[in-house]
């Protein structure tokens, strides 16, 4: 396998993983700060994973989380900012408590074992 092929596969896996766990990434980021804007989330994803997601992808996830009551937003002069709600904090705490189960599931999927 060429290095280029391996790089492309890994890049694709990282992108799929970030997209599929975008809601958890956003909740986790908001749990660590008072508030953040959509552009701030895009920047964090780029810094941490080297991905350039479209603003539409991130804003759709933000709207979904807000509709579910996991985050709330406030209009500011420079745009909308988001913060995690108590329900969102409980959700991210539940995910953290069950992270070993989630990791075992990922391992089973990758290795194809029962």
N, C-alpha and C. Protein backbone atom coordinates (compact mmCIF):
# COMPACT_ATOMS: atom_id res chain seq x y z
N UNK A 1 0.84 -1.19 0.00
CA UNK A 1 0.00 0.00 0.00
C UNK A 1 0.87 1.25 0.00
N UNK A 2 0.58 2.15 -0.89
CA UNK A 2 1.37 3.38 -0.95
C UNK A 2 1.01 4.29 0.22
N UNK A 3 1.96 5.15 0.58
CA UNK A 3 1.72 6.09 1.67
C UNK A 3 0.58 7.04 1.33
N UNK A 4 0.49 7.43 0.07
CA UNK A 4 -0.57 8.34 -0.37
C UNK A 4 -1.95 7.70 -0.17
N UNK A 5 -2.05 6.42 -0.53
CA UNK A 5 -3.30 5.70 -0.35
C UNK A 5 -3.67 5.63 1.13
N UNK A 6 -2.69 5.31 1.97
CA UNK A 6 -2.93 5.23 3.42
C UNK A 6 -3.37 6.58 3.98
N UNK A 7 -2.71 7.64 3.54
CA UNK A 7 -3.07 9.00 3.99
C UNK A 7 -4.51 9.33 3.62
N UNK A 8 -4.88 9.00 2.38
CA UNK A 8 -6.23 9.30 1.91
C UNK A 8 -7.28 8.51 2.70
N UNK A 9 -7.00 7.25 2.97
CA UNK A 9 -7.93 6.43 3.75
C UNK A 9 -8.08 7.00 5.15
N UNK A 10 -6.97 7.34 5.79
CA UNK A 10 -7.03 7.89 7.15
C UNK A 10 -7.76 9.23 7.18
N UNK A 11 -7.52 10.05 6.18
CA UNK A 11 -8.20 11.35 6.11
C UNK A 11 -9.71 11.14 5.99
N UNK A 12 -10.10 10.18 5.16
CA UNK A 12 -11.52 9.88 4.98
C UNK A 12 -12.14 9.35 6.28
N UNK A 13 -11.42 8.50 6.99
CA UNK A 13 -11.92 7.95 8.25
C UNK A 13 -12.08 9.06 9.29
N UNK A 14 -11.09 9.94 9.38
CA UNK A 14 -11.17 11.06 10.33
C UNK A 14 -12.36 11.94 9.99
N UNK A 15 -12.53 12.26 8.72
CA UNK A 15 -13.64 13.13 8.32
C UNK A 15 -15.00 12.49 8.62
N UNK A 16 -15.15 11.20 8.30
CA UNK A 16 -16.41 10.51 8.59
C UNK A 16 -16.67 10.48 10.10
N UNK A 17 -15.64 10.22 10.87
CA UNK A 17 -15.80 10.14 12.32
C UNK A 17 -16.21 11.49 12.89
N UNK A 18 -15.53 12.55 12.48
CA UNK A 18 -15.87 13.89 12.98
C UNK A 18 -17.29 14.26 12.56
N UNK A 19 -17.67 13.99 11.33
CA UNK A 19 -19.03 14.31 10.87
C UNK A 19 -20.08 13.53 11.68
N UNK A 20 -19.80 12.24 11.92
CA UNK A 20 -20.77 11.41 12.64
C UNK A 20 -20.86 11.75 14.12
N UNK A 21 -19.79 12.29 14.67
CA UNK A 21 -19.78 12.65 16.09
C UNK A 21 -19.77 14.17 16.29
N UNK A 22 -20.20 14.91 15.27
CA UNK A 22 -20.16 16.37 15.33
C UNK A 22 -20.98 16.91 16.49
N UNK A 23 -22.14 16.33 16.73
CA UNK A 23 -22.97 16.80 17.85
C UNK A 23 -22.27 16.61 19.18
N UNK A 24 -21.59 15.48 19.35
CA UNK A 24 -20.85 15.22 20.59
C UNK A 24 -19.66 16.17 20.69
N UNK A 25 -18.97 16.41 19.57
CA UNK A 25 -17.85 17.35 19.56
C UNK A 25 -18.32 18.73 20.01
N UNK A 26 -19.45 19.18 19.48
CA UNK A 26 -19.98 20.50 19.83
C UNK A 26 -20.35 20.56 21.31
N UNK A 27 -21.06 19.54 21.80
CA UNK A 27 -21.43 19.52 23.22
C UNK A 27 -20.19 19.52 24.11
N UNK A 28 -19.20 18.74 23.74
CA UNK A 28 -17.96 18.67 24.51
C UNK A 28 -17.24 20.02 24.51
N UNK A 29 -17.19 20.67 23.36
CA UNK A 29 -16.54 21.98 23.27
C UNK A 29 -17.29 23.01 24.11
N UNK A 30 -18.62 22.97 24.08
CA UNK A 30 -19.41 23.93 24.85
C UNK A 30 -19.35 23.64 26.34
N UNK A 31 -19.13 22.39 26.72
CA UNK A 31 -19.02 22.03 28.14
C UNK A 31 -17.75 22.61 28.74
N UNK A 32 -16.77 22.93 27.89
CA UNK A 32 -15.47 23.43 28.37
C UNK A 32 -15.35 24.95 28.32
N UNK A 33 -16.39 25.63 27.85
CA UNK A 33 -16.34 27.08 27.73
C UNK A 33 -17.72 27.68 28.02
N UNK A 34 -17.76 28.96 28.25
CA UNK A 34 -19.04 29.61 28.54
C UNK A 34 -19.93 29.67 27.30
N UNK A 35 -19.34 30.00 26.17
CA UNK A 35 -20.09 30.10 24.92
C UNK A 35 -19.12 30.05 23.76
N UNK A 36 -19.66 29.77 22.59
CA UNK A 36 -18.85 29.74 21.37
C UNK A 36 -19.77 29.97 20.18
N UNK A 37 -19.25 30.57 19.14
CA UNK A 37 -20.00 30.79 17.92
C UNK A 37 -19.74 29.68 16.91
N UNK A 38 -20.53 29.65 15.87
CA UNK A 38 -20.35 28.65 14.83
C UNK A 38 -18.98 28.70 14.19
N UNK A 39 -18.48 29.91 13.95
CA UNK A 39 -17.14 30.06 13.37
C UNK A 39 -16.09 29.49 14.32
N UNK A 40 -16.28 29.69 15.62
CA UNK A 40 -15.35 29.14 16.61
C UNK A 40 -15.30 27.63 16.57
N UNK A 41 -16.45 27.01 16.35
CA UNK A 41 -16.50 25.55 16.25
C UNK A 41 -15.79 25.08 14.99
N UNK A 42 -16.04 25.76 13.88
CA UNK A 42 -15.33 25.44 12.63
C UNK A 42 -13.82 25.54 12.81
N UNK A 43 -13.38 26.58 13.51
CA UNK A 43 -11.95 26.79 13.75
C UNK A 43 -11.38 25.67 14.61
N UNK A 44 -12.10 25.29 15.69
CA UNK A 44 -11.64 24.21 16.57
C UNK A 44 -11.50 22.90 15.80
N UNK A 45 -12.46 22.59 14.95
CA UNK A 45 -12.40 21.35 14.17
C UNK A 45 -11.20 21.38 13.24
N UNK A 46 -10.98 22.53 12.61
CA UNK A 46 -9.83 22.66 11.72
C UNK A 46 -8.52 22.52 12.49
N UNK A 47 -8.42 23.14 13.65
CA UNK A 47 -7.19 23.07 14.44
C UNK A 47 -6.93 21.66 14.97
N UNK A 48 -7.98 21.00 15.45
CA UNK A 48 -7.80 19.69 16.08
C UNK A 48 -7.70 18.54 15.09
N UNK A 49 -8.39 18.64 13.94
CA UNK A 49 -8.45 17.51 13.01
C UNK A 49 -8.00 17.83 11.60
N UNK A 50 -7.67 19.10 11.33
CA UNK A 50 -7.22 19.48 9.99
C UNK A 50 -8.32 19.42 8.95
N UNK A 51 -9.58 19.51 9.38
CA UNK A 51 -10.71 19.43 8.45
C UNK A 51 -11.33 20.80 8.24
N UNK A 52 -11.79 21.02 7.02
CA UNK A 52 -12.53 22.23 6.70
C UNK A 52 -13.97 21.83 6.39
N UNK A 53 -14.80 21.75 7.42
CA UNK A 53 -16.21 21.44 7.21
C UNK A 53 -16.92 22.69 6.71
N UNK A 54 -18.00 22.47 5.99
CA UNK A 54 -18.77 23.62 5.51
C UNK A 54 -19.53 24.23 6.68
N UNK A 55 -19.71 25.55 6.66
CA UNK A 55 -20.50 26.19 7.72
C UNK A 55 -21.90 25.58 7.83
N UNK A 56 -22.49 25.20 6.70
CA UNK A 56 -23.82 24.60 6.72
C UNK A 56 -23.88 23.32 7.55
N UNK A 57 -22.83 22.52 7.48
CA UNK A 57 -22.76 21.28 8.25
C UNK A 57 -22.79 21.59 9.74
N UNK A 58 -21.98 22.55 10.16
CA UNK A 58 -21.90 22.90 11.58
C UNK A 58 -23.19 23.57 12.04
N UNK A 59 -23.71 24.50 11.26
CA UNK A 59 -24.92 25.21 11.68
C UNK A 59 -26.13 24.28 11.72
N UNK A 60 -26.21 23.30 10.82
CA UNK A 60 -27.29 22.32 10.90
C UNK A 60 -27.21 21.53 12.20
N UNK A 61 -25.99 21.14 12.59
CA UNK A 61 -25.81 20.42 13.86
C UNK A 61 -26.19 21.30 15.04
N UNK A 62 -25.81 22.57 15.00
CA UNK A 62 -26.15 23.50 16.08
C UNK A 62 -27.67 23.66 16.20
N UNK A 63 -28.35 23.83 15.07
CA UNK A 63 -29.81 23.99 15.10
C UNK A 63 -30.48 22.74 15.66
N UNK A 64 -29.98 21.57 15.27
CA UNK A 64 -30.53 20.30 15.76
C UNK A 64 -30.36 20.20 17.28
N UNK A 65 -29.16 20.51 17.77
CA UNK A 65 -28.90 20.47 19.21
C UNK A 65 -29.78 21.46 19.96
N UNK A 66 -30.01 22.61 19.35
CA UNK A 66 -30.85 23.62 20.00
C UNK A 66 -32.31 23.15 20.04
N UNK A 67 -32.79 22.57 18.95
CA UNK A 67 -34.17 22.05 18.94
C UNK A 67 -34.36 20.95 19.98
N UNK A 68 -33.30 20.17 20.23
CA UNK A 68 -33.37 19.09 21.22
C UNK A 68 -33.20 19.59 22.65
N UNK A 69 -32.92 20.89 22.80
CA UNK A 69 -32.77 21.46 24.14
C UNK A 69 -31.42 21.20 24.78
N UNK A 70 -30.44 20.77 23.99
CA UNK A 70 -29.11 20.47 24.52
C UNK A 70 -28.22 21.70 24.57
N UNK A 71 -28.52 22.68 23.72
CA UNK A 71 -27.81 23.96 23.73
C UNK A 71 -28.84 25.07 23.56
N UNK A 72 -28.42 26.28 23.85
CA UNK A 72 -29.27 27.44 23.58
C UNK A 72 -28.40 28.51 22.94
N UNK A 73 -29.06 29.41 22.23
CA UNK A 73 -28.31 30.44 21.52
C UNK A 73 -28.79 31.82 21.92
N UNK A 74 -27.94 32.77 21.62
CA UNK A 74 -28.25 34.17 21.88
C UNK A 74 -27.67 34.99 20.74
N UNK A 75 -28.46 35.92 20.23
CA UNK A 75 -28.00 36.79 19.15
C UNK A 75 -27.15 37.90 19.75
N UNK A 76 -25.97 38.06 19.20
CA UNK A 76 -25.05 39.12 19.63
C UNK A 76 -24.79 40.03 18.43
N UNK A 77 -24.11 41.13 18.67
CA UNK A 77 -23.85 42.08 17.58
C UNK A 77 -23.02 41.45 16.46
N UNK A 78 -22.12 40.51 16.80
CA UNK A 78 -21.26 39.90 15.79
C UNK A 78 -21.75 38.52 15.37
N UNK A 79 -22.97 38.17 15.72
CA UNK A 79 -23.51 36.87 15.33
C UNK A 79 -24.09 36.13 16.52
N UNK A 80 -24.50 34.91 16.26
CA UNK A 80 -25.14 34.08 17.27
C UNK A 80 -24.08 33.29 18.04
N UNK A 81 -24.27 33.22 19.36
CA UNK A 81 -23.38 32.40 20.18
C UNK A 81 -24.22 31.30 20.84
N UNK A 82 -23.54 30.23 21.20
CA UNK A 82 -24.22 29.06 21.74
C UNK A 82 -23.60 28.69 23.08
N UNK A 83 -24.46 28.15 23.97
CA UNK A 83 -23.96 27.62 25.23
C UNK A 83 -24.73 26.35 25.55
N UNK A 84 -24.11 25.50 26.32
CA UNK A 84 -24.70 24.22 26.67
C UNK A 84 -25.74 24.42 27.77
N UNK A 85 -26.81 23.64 27.71
CA UNK A 85 -27.85 23.69 28.74
C UNK A 85 -27.58 22.60 29.79
N UNK A 86 -28.37 22.59 30.84
CA UNK A 86 -28.24 21.53 31.85
C UNK A 86 -28.48 20.17 31.23
N UNK A 87 -29.48 20.10 30.35
CA UNK A 87 -29.76 18.84 29.65
C UNK A 87 -28.56 18.42 28.80
N UNK A 88 -27.93 19.37 28.13
CA UNK A 88 -26.74 19.08 27.33
C UNK A 88 -25.59 18.60 28.18
N UNK A 89 -25.42 19.20 29.37
CA UNK A 89 -24.36 18.77 30.29
C UNK A 89 -24.61 17.34 30.76
N UNK A 90 -25.87 17.02 31.06
CA UNK A 90 -26.20 15.65 31.48
C UNK A 90 -25.91 14.67 30.35
N UNK A 91 -26.21 15.08 29.14
CA UNK A 91 -25.96 14.23 27.97
C UNK A 91 -24.47 13.94 27.80
N UNK A 92 -23.65 14.96 27.87
CA UNK A 92 -22.20 14.76 27.68
C UNK A 92 -21.61 13.98 28.85
N UNK A 93 -22.15 14.17 30.06
CA UNK A 93 -21.71 13.38 31.21
C UNK A 93 -22.04 11.90 31.02
N UNK A 94 -23.22 11.62 30.49
CA UNK A 94 -23.63 10.24 30.21
C UNK A 94 -22.70 9.61 29.17
N UNK A 95 -22.39 10.35 28.14
CA UNK A 95 -21.47 9.85 27.11
C UNK A 95 -20.11 9.57 27.72
N UNK A 96 -19.61 10.48 28.55
CA UNK A 96 -18.31 10.28 29.19
C UNK A 96 -18.31 9.06 30.10
N UNK A 97 -19.40 8.87 30.85
CA UNK A 97 -19.48 7.71 31.75
C UNK A 97 -19.50 6.40 30.97
N UNK A 98 -20.03 6.43 29.77
CA UNK A 98 -20.17 5.22 28.95
C UNK A 98 -19.15 5.14 27.82
N UNK A 99 -18.10 5.92 27.91
CA UNK A 99 -17.13 5.97 26.80
C UNK A 99 -16.46 4.62 26.54
N UNK A 100 -16.25 3.80 27.58
CA UNK A 100 -15.63 2.50 27.36
C UNK A 100 -16.54 1.59 26.54
N UNK A 101 -17.84 1.66 26.78
CA UNK A 101 -18.80 0.89 25.99
C UNK A 101 -18.76 1.36 24.54
N UNK A 102 -18.71 2.66 24.35
CA UNK A 102 -18.66 3.24 23.00
C UNK A 102 -17.37 2.82 22.29
N UNK A 103 -16.26 2.85 23.01
CA UNK A 103 -14.97 2.44 22.41
C UNK A 103 -14.97 0.95 22.06
N UNK A 104 -15.57 0.13 22.92
CA UNK A 104 -15.65 -1.31 22.63
C UNK A 104 -16.50 -1.55 21.38
N UNK A 105 -17.57 -0.79 21.24
CA UNK A 105 -18.42 -0.91 20.05
C UNK A 105 -17.62 -0.55 18.80
N UNK A 106 -16.88 0.55 18.86
CA UNK A 106 -16.04 0.95 17.71
C UNK A 106 -15.02 -0.13 17.39
N UNK A 107 -14.42 -0.71 18.42
CA UNK A 107 -13.43 -1.78 18.21
C UNK A 107 -14.08 -2.99 17.54
N UNK A 108 -15.29 -3.35 17.98
CA UNK A 108 -15.99 -4.48 17.36
C UNK A 108 -16.30 -4.20 15.90
N UNK A 109 -16.68 -2.98 15.60
CA UNK A 109 -16.99 -2.62 14.21
C UNK A 109 -15.73 -2.70 13.36
N UNK A 110 -14.63 -2.15 13.87
CA UNK A 110 -13.38 -2.12 13.10
C UNK A 110 -12.79 -3.52 12.92
N UNK A 111 -12.79 -4.31 14.00
CA UNK A 111 -12.17 -5.64 13.94
C UNK A 111 -13.12 -6.71 13.43
N UNK A 112 -14.41 -6.39 13.38
CA UNK A 112 -15.38 -7.35 12.90
C UNK A 112 -15.61 -8.51 13.86
N UNK A 113 -15.34 -8.30 15.14
CA UNK A 113 -15.54 -9.37 16.12
C UNK A 113 -16.85 -9.16 16.86
N UNK A 114 -17.42 -10.26 17.37
CA UNK A 114 -18.69 -10.15 18.10
C UNK A 114 -18.57 -9.46 19.44
